[in-house]
C-alpha atoms as a PDB file:
ATOM      1  CA  MET A   1     123.774  -4.542  99.509  1.00  0.00           C
ATOM      2  CA  PRO A   2     124.509  -5.020  95.940  1.00  0.00           C
ATOM      3  CA  LYS A   3     121.732  -7.525  94.998  1.00  0.00           C
ATOM      4  CA  SER A   4     123.663  -9.759  92.366  1.00  0.00           C
ATOM      5  CA  GLN A   5     125.095 -12.938  93.018  1.00  0.00           C
ATOM      6  CA  SER A   6     128.396 -14.265  93.943  1.00  0.00           C
ATOM      7  CA  SER A   7     130.701 -17.662  93.021  1.00  0.00           C
ATOM      8  CA  VAL A   8     131.920 -16.814  97.597  1.00  0.00           C
ATOM      9  CA  THR A   9     130.155 -17.085 100.862  1.00  0.00           C
ATOM     10  CA  ALA A  10     131.962 -14.363 103.812  1.00  0.00           C
ATOM     11  CA  LYS A  11     133.391 -15.979 106.278  1.00  0.00           C
ATOM     12  CA  TYR A  12     133.142 -12.580 107.800  1.00  0.00           C
ATOM     13  CA  GLN A  13     130.623 -10.485 107.458  1.00  0.00           C
ATOM     14  CA  ARG A  14     132.014  -7.269 108.967  1.00  0.00           C
ATOM     15  CA  ALA A  15     135.562  -6.556 107.617  1.00  0.00           C
ATOM     16  CA  LEU A  16     137.857  -3.848 107.805  1.00  0.00           C
ATOM     17  CA  LEU A  17     140.143  -3.193 104.635  1.00  0.00           C
ATOM     18  CA  LYS A  18     142.887  -1.418 105.317  1.00  0.00           C
ATOM     19  CA  ILE A  19     144.312  -0.739 101.726  1.00  0.00           C
ATOM     20  CA  SER A  20     148.389   1.008 101.875  1.00  0.00           C
ATOM     21  CA  GLY A  21     148.831   3.975  99.978  1.00  0.00           C
ATOM     22  CA  GLU A  22     151.397   1.760  98.140  1.00  0.00           C
ATOM     23  CA  ALA A  23     149.681  -0.249  96.693  1.00  0.00           C
ATOM     24  CA  LEU A  24     147.169   2.302  94.961  1.00  0.00           C
ATOM     25  CA  ALA A  25     150.643   3.492  93.677  1.00  0.00           C
ATOM     26  CA  GLY A  26     151.249   0.000  92.122  1.00  0.00           C
ATOM     27  CA  ASN A  27     154.743  -1.198  90.924  1.00  0.00           C
ATOM     28  CA  GLU A  28     154.896   3.299  90.600  1.00  0.00           C
ATOM     29  CA  SER A  29     156.841   5.229  92.993  1.00  0.00           C
ATOM     30  CA  PHE A  30     154.600   8.186  93.077  1.00  0.00           C
ATOM     31  CA  GLY A  31     150.685   8.586  92.592  1.00  0.00           C
ATOM     32  CA  ILE A  32     147.937   6.856  91.899  1.00  0.00           C
ATOM     33  CA  ASP A  33     147.555   3.452  89.260  1.00  0.00           C
ATOM     34  CA  PRO A  34     143.867   3.409  88.015  1.00  0.00           C
ATOM     35  CA  ALA A  35     144.481   0.099  87.168  1.00  0.00           C
ATOM     36  CA  ILE A  36     145.093  -0.582  90.372  1.00  0.00           C
ATOM     37  CA  LEU A  37     141.966   1.343  91.464  1.00  0.00           C
ATOM     38  CA  THR A  38     139.807  -0.252  89.157  1.00  0.00           C
ATOM     39  CA  SER A  39     140.538  -4.024  90.133  1.00  0.00           C
ATOM     40  CA  LEU A  40     139.662  -2.969  93.603  1.00  0.00           C
ATOM     41  CA  ALA A  41     136.911  -1.438  93.370  1.00  0.00           C
ATOM     42  CA  LYS A  42     135.575  -5.001  91.738  1.00  0.00           C
ATOM     43  CA  GLN A  43     137.202  -7.125  94.181  1.00  0.00           C
ATOM     44  CA  ILE A  44     135.539  -5.049  97.592  1.00  0.00           C
ATOM     45  CA  GLN A  45     132.245  -5.366  95.593  1.00  0.00           C
ATOM     46  CA  ASN A  46     132.555  -8.325  94.796  1.00  0.00           C
ATOM     47  CA  ALA A  47     133.589  -9.279  98.454  1.00  0.00           C
ATOM     48  CA  GLN A  48     130.032  -7.020  99.322  1.00  0.00           C
ATOM     49  CA  MET A  49     128.042  -9.596  97.359  1.00  0.00           C
ATOM     50  CA  ALA A  50     129.460 -12.475  98.820  1.00  0.00           C
ATOM     51  CA  GLY A  51     127.676 -10.956 102.415  1.00  0.00           C
ATOM     52  CA  ALA A  52     130.021  -8.997 103.463  1.00  0.00           C
ATOM     53  CA  GLU A  53     130.006  -5.450 104.918  1.00  0.00           C
ATOM     54  CA  ILE A  54     133.310  -3.622 103.719  1.00  0.00           C
ATOM     55  CA  ALA A  55     135.038  -0.413 105.546  1.00  0.00           C
ATOM     56  CA  ILE A  56     138.108   1.248 104.186  1.00  0.00           C
ATOM     57  CA  VAL A  57     141.152   2.933 105.889  1.00  0.00           C
ATOM     58  CA  VAL A  58     143.861   4.147 103.594  1.00  0.00           C
ATOM     59  CA  GLY A  59     146.958   5.526 103.692  1.00  0.00           C
ATOM     60  CA  GLY A  60     148.998   7.715 101.988  1.00  0.00           C
ATOM     61  CA  GLY A  61     152.207   6.709 101.297  1.00  0.00           C
ATOM     62  CA  ASN A  62     151.833   6.856  97.399  1.00  0.00           C
ATOM     63  CA  ILE A  63     151.492  10.793  97.360  1.00  0.00           C
ATOM     64  CA  TRP A  64     153.241  11.754 100.728  1.00  0.00           C
ATOM     65  CA  ARG A  65     155.839  10.071 103.262  1.00  0.00           C
ATOM     66  CA  GLY A  66     156.344  11.888 106.549  1.00  0.00           C
ATOM     67  CA  VAL A  67     159.224   9.635 107.077  1.00  0.00           C
ATOM     68  CA  THR A  68     161.062  11.976 103.949  1.00  0.00           C
ATOM     69  CA  ALA A  69     159.757  14.487 104.984  1.00  0.00           C
ATOM     70  CA  ARG A  70     161.228  14.499 108.600  1.00  0.00           C
ATOM     71  CA  ALA A  71     164.333  13.703 106.641  1.00  0.00           C
ATOM     72  CA  TRP A  72     164.104  17.897 105.840  1.00  0.00           C
ATOM     73  CA  GLY A  73     163.803  19.476 108.862  1.00  0.00           C
ATOM     74  CA  MET A  74     160.325  19.760 109.049  1.00  0.00           C
ATOM     75  CA  ASP A  75     158.302  19.282 112.248  1.00  0.00           C
ATOM     76  CA  ARG A  76     156.765  15.298 112.656  1.00  0.00           C
ATOM     77  CA  ALA A  77     153.746  16.845 113.409  1.00  0.00           C
ATOM     78  CA  ALA A  78     153.760  19.189 110.648  1.00  0.00           C
ATOM     79  CA  GLY A  79     153.770  15.836 108.459  1.00  0.00           C
ATOM     80  CA  ASP A  80     151.601  13.704 109.700  1.00  0.00           C
ATOM     81  CA  TYR A  81     148.804  16.748 109.208  1.00  0.00           C
ATOM     82  CA  ALA A  82     150.146  16.751 105.340  1.00  0.00           C
ATOM     83  CA  GLY A  83     149.497  13.040 105.267  1.00  0.00           C
ATOM     84  CA  MET A  84     146.286  13.093 106.407  1.00  0.00           C
ATOM     85  CA  LEU A  85     145.357  15.567 103.123  1.00  0.00           C
ATOM     86  CA  ALA A  86     146.941  12.916 101.053  1.00  0.00           C
ATOM     87  CA  THR A  87     144.991  10.089 102.730  1.00  0.00           C
ATOM     88  CA  MET A  88     141.742  12.026 101.777  1.00  0.00           C
ATOM     89  CA  ILE A  89     143.524  12.507  97.757  1.00  0.00           C
ATOM     90  CA  ASN A  90     143.336   8.043  97.815  1.00  0.00           C
ATOM     91  CA  ALA A  91     139.809   7.765  99.125  1.00  0.00           C
ATOM     92  CA  ILE A  92     138.289  10.284  96.746  1.00  0.00           C
ATOM     93  CA  ALA A  93     140.036   7.849  94.333  1.00  0.00           C
ATOM     94  CA  LEU A  94     138.145   5.511  96.000  1.00  0.00           C
ATOM     95  CA  GLN A  95     135.153   5.989  96.660  1.00  0.00           C
ATOM     96  CA  ASP A  96     135.004   7.229  92.599  1.00  0.00           C
ATOM     97  CA  ALA A  97     136.359   3.785  91.730  1.00  0.00           C
ATOM     98  CA  LEU A  98     134.047   1.979  93.705  1.00  0.00           C
ATOM     99  CA  GLU A  99     130.811   4.576  92.254  1.00  0.00           C
ATOM    100  CA  ARG A 100     131.290   3.927  88.052  1.00  0.00           C
ATOM    101  CA  GLU A 101     130.707  -0.217  90.037  1.00  0.00           C
ATOM    102  CA  GLY A 102     127.546   0.480  91.232  1.00  0.00           C
ATOM    103  CA  VAL A 103     128.895  -0.044  94.763  1.00  0.00           C
ATOM    104  CA  VAL A 104     127.142   3.630  97.070  1.00  0.00           C
ATOM    105  CA  THR A 105     129.938   4.750  99.306  1.00  0.00           C
ATOM    106  CA  ARG A 106     130.158   6.993 101.928  1.00  0.00           C
ATOM    107  CA  THR A 107     133.478   8.771 103.323  1.00  0.00           C
ATOM    108  CA  GLN A 108     134.154   9.743 106.902  1.00  0.00           C
ATOM    109  CA  SER A 109     136.418  12.140 107.287  1.00  0.00           C
ATOM    110  CA  ALA A 110     138.586  12.292 111.006  1.00  0.00           C
ATOM    111  CA  ILE A 111     139.486  15.701 109.927  1.00  0.00           C
ATOM    112  CA  THR A 112     136.939  18.424 108.758  1.00  0.00           C
ATOM    113  CA  VAL A 113     136.679  18.624 105.413  1.00  0.00           C
ATOM    114  CA  HIS A 114     132.871  18.799 104.463  1.00  0.00           C
ATOM    115  CA  ALA A 115     132.828  19.625 101.050  1.00  0.00           C
ATOM    116  CA  VAL A 116     133.923  16.361 100.432  1.00  0.00           C
ATOM    117  CA  ALA A 117     133.311  13.894 102.999  1.00  0.00           C
ATOM    118  CA  GLU A 118     131.245  13.578 106.287  1.00  0.00           C
ATOM    119  CA  PRO A 119     132.934  13.736 109.703  1.00  0.00           C
ATOM    120  CA  THR A 120     134.218  10.413 111.489  1.00  0.00           C
ATOM    121  CA  ILE A 121     131.326   9.427 113.650  1.00  0.00           C
ATOM    122  CA  ARG A 122     131.172   5.712 114.867  1.00  0.00           C
ATOM    123  CA  ARG A 123     127.025   5.492 114.359  1.00  0.00           C
ATOM    124  CA  ARG A 124     126.486   7.471 111.326  1.00  0.00           C
ATOM    125  CA  ALA A 125     129.567   4.550 109.509  1.00  0.00           C
ATOM    126  CA  MET A 126     127.931   1.621 111.430  1.00  0.00           C
ATOM    127  CA  ARG A 127     124.130   2.410 109.383  1.00  0.00           C
ATOM    128  CA  HIS A 128     126.080   3.020 106.553  1.00  0.00           C
ATOM    129  CA  LEU A 129     126.943  -0.751 106.831  1.00  0.00           C
ATOM    130  CA  GLU A 130     124.097  -1.674 107.743  1.00  0.00           C
ATOM    131  CA  LYS A 131     122.456  -0.334 104.505  1.00  0.00           C
ATOM    132  CA  GLY A 132     124.485  -1.769 102.316  1.00  0.00           C
ATOM    133  CA  ARG A 133     128.034   1.431 101.309  1.00  0.00           C
ATOM    134  CA  VAL A 134     130.482   1.284 101.848  1.00  0.00           C
ATOM    135  CA  VAL A 135     132.407   3.650 104.297  1.00  0.00           C
ATOM    136  CA  ILE A 136     135.782   4.728 103.967  1.00  0.00           C
ATOM    137  CA  PHE A 137     137.763   6.214 107.033  1.00  0.00           C
ATOM    138  CA  ALA A 138     139.994   8.966 105.777  1.00  0.00           C
ATOM    139  CA  ALA A 139     143.177  10.930 107.888  1.00  0.00           C
ATOM    140  CA  GLY A 140     144.156   8.439 110.331  1.00  0.00           C
ATOM    141  CA  THR A 141     143.475   8.973 113.710  1.00  0.00           C
ATOM    142  CA  GLY A 142     142.976  12.177 112.430  1.00  0.00           C
ATOM    143  CA  ASN A 143     146.231  13.130 115.412  1.00  0.00           C
ATOM    144  CA  PRO A 144     149.768  13.214 114.627  1.00  0.00           C
ATOM    145  CA  TYR A 145     152.142  10.700 115.553  1.00  0.00           C
ATOM    146  CA  MET A 146     149.269   7.841 114.982  1.00  0.00           C
ATOM    147  CA  THR A 147     149.857   5.529 111.869  1.00  0.00           C
ATOM    148  CA  THR A 148     147.223   4.750 109.822  1.00  0.00           C
ATOM    149  CA  ASP A 149     147.251   0.998 110.649  1.00  0.00           C
ATOM    150  CA  THR A 150     146.690   2.569 114.139  1.00  0.00           C
ATOM    151  CA  ALA A 151     143.977   3.972 112.683  1.00  0.00           C
ATOM    152  CA  ALA A 152     142.674   0.990 111.332  1.00  0.00           C
ATOM    153  CA  ALA A 153     142.756  -0.972 114.072  1.00  0.00           C
ATOM    154  CA  LEU A 154     140.806   1.529 115.959  1.00  0.00           C
ATOM    155  CA  ARG A 155     138.138   2.173 113.160  1.00  0.00           C
ATOM    156  CA  ALA A 156     137.794  -1.360 113.042  1.00  0.00           C
ATOM    157  CA  LEU A 157     137.095  -2.205 116.998  1.00  0.00           C
ATOM    158  CA  GLU A 158     134.738   0.872 117.061  1.00  0.00           C
ATOM    159  CA  ILE A 159     132.647  -0.478 114.126  1.00  0.00           C
ATOM    160  CA  GLY A 160     132.898  -4.138 115.249  1.00  0.00           C
ATOM    161  CA  ALA A 161     134.193  -5.552 112.594  1.00  0.00           C
ATOM    162  CA  LYS A 162     135.086  -9.020 112.571  1.00  0.00           C
ATOM    163  CA  VAL A 163     138.799  -9.626 111.000  1.00  0.00           C
ATOM    164  CA  LEU A 164     140.988  -6.234 109.975  1.00  0.00           C
ATOM    165  CA  LEU A 165     142.644  -7.709 106.916  1.00  0.00           C
ATOM    166  CA  MET A 166     146.337  -5.532 106.236  1.00  0.00           C
ATOM    167  CA  ALA A 167     146.076  -5.563 102.381  1.00  0.00           C
ATOM    168  CA  LYS A 168     150.063  -5.057 101.567  1.00  0.00           C
ATOM    169  CA  ASN A 169     151.677  -4.513  98.437  1.00  0.00           C
ATOM    170  CA  ASN A 170     154.107  -6.768  97.214  1.00  0.00           C
ATOM    171  CA  VAL A 171     154.244  -8.386 100.809  1.00  0.00           C
ATOM    172  CA  ASP A 172     151.606 -11.992 100.792  1.00  0.00           C
ATOM    173  CA  GLY A 173     152.474 -12.417 104.602  1.00  0.00           C
ATOM    174  CA  ILE A 174     154.941 -12.331 108.066  1.00  0.00           C
ATOM    175  CA  TYR A 175     157.852 -13.858 107.832  1.00  0.00           C
ATOM    176  CA  ASP A 176     160.528 -14.521 110.397  1.00  0.00           C
ATOM    177  CA  THR A 177     163.154 -12.563 108.522  1.00  0.00           C
ATOM    178  CA  ASP A 178     163.099  -9.607 105.437  1.00  0.00           C
ATOM    179  CA  PRO A 179     162.533 -11.853 102.560  1.00  0.00           C
ATOM    180  CA  SER A 180     163.691  -9.230 100.223  1.00  0.00           C
ATOM    181  CA  LYS A 181     167.215  -9.613 101.834  1.00  0.00           C
ATOM    182  CA  ASN A 182     167.215 -13.418 103.217  1.00  0.00           C
ATOM    183  CA  PRO A 183     166.387 -15.595 100.239  1.00  0.00           C
ATOM    184  CA  ASP A 184     165.242 -18.498 102.602  1.00  0.00           C
ATOM    185  CA  ALA A 185     163.392 -16.108 104.909  1.00  0.00           C
ATOM    186  CA  ARG A 186     160.534 -18.819 106.248  1.00  0.00           C
ATOM    187  CA  LYS A 187     156.636 -17.668 106.265  1.00  0.00           C
ATOM    188  CA  PHE A 188     154.062 -17.707 109.276  1.00  0.00           C
ATOM    189  CA  THR A 189     150.484 -19.160 107.538  1.00  0.00           C
ATOM    190  CA  HIS A 190     149.605 -18.391 111.704  1.00  0.00           C
ATOM    191  CA  LEU A 191     150.348 -16.109 114.582  1.00  0.00           C
ATOM    192  CA  SER A 192     149.147 -15.743 117.930  1.00  0.00           C
ATOM    193  CA  HIS A 193     149.199 -11.300 118.827  1.00  0.00           C
ATOM    194  CA  ARG A 194     151.953 -12.029 120.952  1.00  0.00           C
ATOM    195  CA  GLU A 195     154.118 -13.261 118.838  1.00  0.00           C
ATOM    196  CA  ALA A 196     153.241 -10.739 115.933  1.00  0.00           C
ATOM    197  CA  LEU A 197     154.906  -8.435 118.527  1.00  0.00           C
ATOM    198  CA  ASP A 198     157.640 -10.430 119.501  1.00  0.00           C
ATOM    199  CA  ILE A 199     158.929 -10.451 115.849  1.00  0.00           C
ATOM    200  CA  ARG A 200     157.750  -7.111 115.117  1.00  0.00           C
ATOM    201  CA  PRO A 201     157.043  -7.486 111.870  1.00  0.00           C
ATOM    202  CA  GLN A 202     157.201  -4.639 108.898  1.00  0.00           C
ATOM    203  CA  VAL A 203     153.550  -4.882 107.678  1.00  0.00           C
ATOM    204  CA  MET A 204     152.245  -3.023 111.139  1.00  0.00           C
ATOM    205  CA  ASP A 205     153.428  -0.943 113.615  1.00  0.00           C
ATOM    206  CA  ALA A 206     153.816  -2.298 117.037  1.00  0.00           C
ATOM    207  CA  THR A 207     150.950   0.579 118.683  1.00  0.00           C
ATOM    208  CA  ALA A 208     147.981  -1.411 115.813  1.00  0.00           C
ATOM    209  CA  PHE A 209     149.568  -4.826 116.444  1.00  0.00           C
ATOM    210  CA  SER A 210     148.794  -3.595 120.712  1.00  0.00           C
ATOM    211  CA  LEU A 211     144.882  -2.626 120.035  1.00  0.00           C
ATOM    212  CA  CYS A 212     144.604  -6.274 118.364  1.00  0.00           C
ATOM    213  CA  LEU A 213     146.192  -8.173 121.135  1.00  0.00           C
ATOM    214  CA  GLU A 214     143.797  -6.262 123.486  1.00  0.00           C
ATOM    215  CA  ASN A 215     140.383  -6.517 122.409  1.00  0.00           C
ATOM    216  CA  ASN A 216     141.104 -10.330 120.733  1.00  0.00           C
ATOM    217  CA  LEU A 217     140.503  -8.626 116.579  1.00  0.00           C
ATOM    218  CA  PRO A 218     142.064 -11.116 114.118  1.00  0.00           C
ATOM    219  CA  ILE A 219     144.588  -9.983 111.526  1.00  0.00           C
ATOM    220  CA  ILE A 220     145.080 -11.314 107.799  1.00  0.00           C
ATOM    221  CA  VAL A 221     147.806  -9.640 106.056  1.00  0.00           C
ATOM    222  CA  PHE A 222     147.598 -10.397 102.161  1.00  0.00           C
ATOM    223  CA  ASN A 223     149.560  -9.778  99.096  1.00  0.00           C
ATOM    224  CA  ILE A 224     146.691  -7.258  97.766  1.00  0.00           C
ATOM    225  CA  GLN A 225     147.723  -8.159  93.677  1.00  0.00           C
ATOM    226  CA  THR A 226     147.391 -11.496  94.744  1.00  0.00           C
ATOM    227  CA  ASP A 227     144.026 -12.759  92.349  1.00  0.00           C
ATOM    228  CA  SER A 228     140.969 -11.632  93.899  1.00  0.00           C
ATOM    229  CA  GLY A 229     142.543 -11.411  96.341  1.00  0.00           C
ATOM    230  CA  ILE A 230     140.039  -9.440  98.901  1.00  0.00           C
ATOM    231  CA  GLU A 231     137.421 -11.519  98.598  1.00  0.00           C
ATOM    232  CA  ARG A 232     139.153 -14.473  98.535  1.00  0.00           C
ATOM    233  CA  VAL A 233     140.280 -13.412 101.941  1.00  0.00           C
ATOM    234  CA  ILE A 234     136.536 -12.787 102.903  1.00  0.00           C
ATOM    235  CA  SER A 235     135.726 -16.425 102.156  1.00  0.00           C
ATOM    236  CA  GLY A 236     138.264 -17.898 104.298  1.00  0.00           C
ATOM    237  CA  GLU A 237     140.613 -18.599 102.287  1.00  0.00           C
ATOM    238  CA  PRO A 238     144.427 -19.097 103.621  1.00  0.00           C
ATOM    239  CA  LEU A 239     145.867 -16.545 101.760  1.00  0.00           C
ATOM    240  CA  GLY A 240     148.832 -14.456 103.639  1.00  0.00           C
ATOM    241  CA  THR A 241     149.226 -14.742 107.329  1.00  0.00           C
ATOM    242  CA  LEU A 242     146.675 -15.357 110.081  1.00  0.00           C
ATOM    243  CA  VAL A 243     147.371 -13.513 113.026  1.00  0.00           C
ATOM    244  CA  SER A 244     144.593 -14.317 116.726  1.00  0.00           C
ATOM    245  CA  THR A 245     144.961 -15.395 119.416  1.00  0.00           C
ATOM    246  CA  ASN A 246     142.162 -17.965 119.523  1.00  0.00           C
ATOM    247  CA  ASP A 247     141.564 -20.153 116.361  1.00  0.00           C
END
């Protein structure tokens, strides 16, 4: 853990942060925005300084979209494996950005890529967190037909995270209807897991919501582009939408 002091104190001792590929692209339609990457690394460092143990699951939508590949006629499983490789690119880039900020980081992959990442091993990941290292989980669950949202919920439960942070690009919470289509859409500050499942928001898939419901894991959906958003959410500031069955 970095020795520097932070102006905030973590409410959540251990958190799983899900960063979508689109968030890494920023306002671009493809690739990685270096400024976004650096900002994320600084925010994660500050959240860690506040006392939180941070694990991360990265998506790959800024590089590869399985839905688009299926539209070409590509086999679903093949497209999903290509997407796993896209998450590896994002994980390596994020690891580099974090280590340039002085944050010791380990990347674990659900598929075998020994040259750049450790295999995903639950107890090893937990030990890294206990030693103050950030752990990045890449390649989703390692299985086709499973999204990185599901991987985020699964890894959060495996490592005993106290909260799942869903960092979205230009989405600041859960609404009753699509705010991009309905200017009168109402934003929720708090929902139960069951209510969130009934609404079926696009911010997270139903399998991931169900995993969190069954295990009573709180979820916070917030906008990654909010100033100091990660550290503010970690400190308990009410940003975005909280999904939890209990107060």
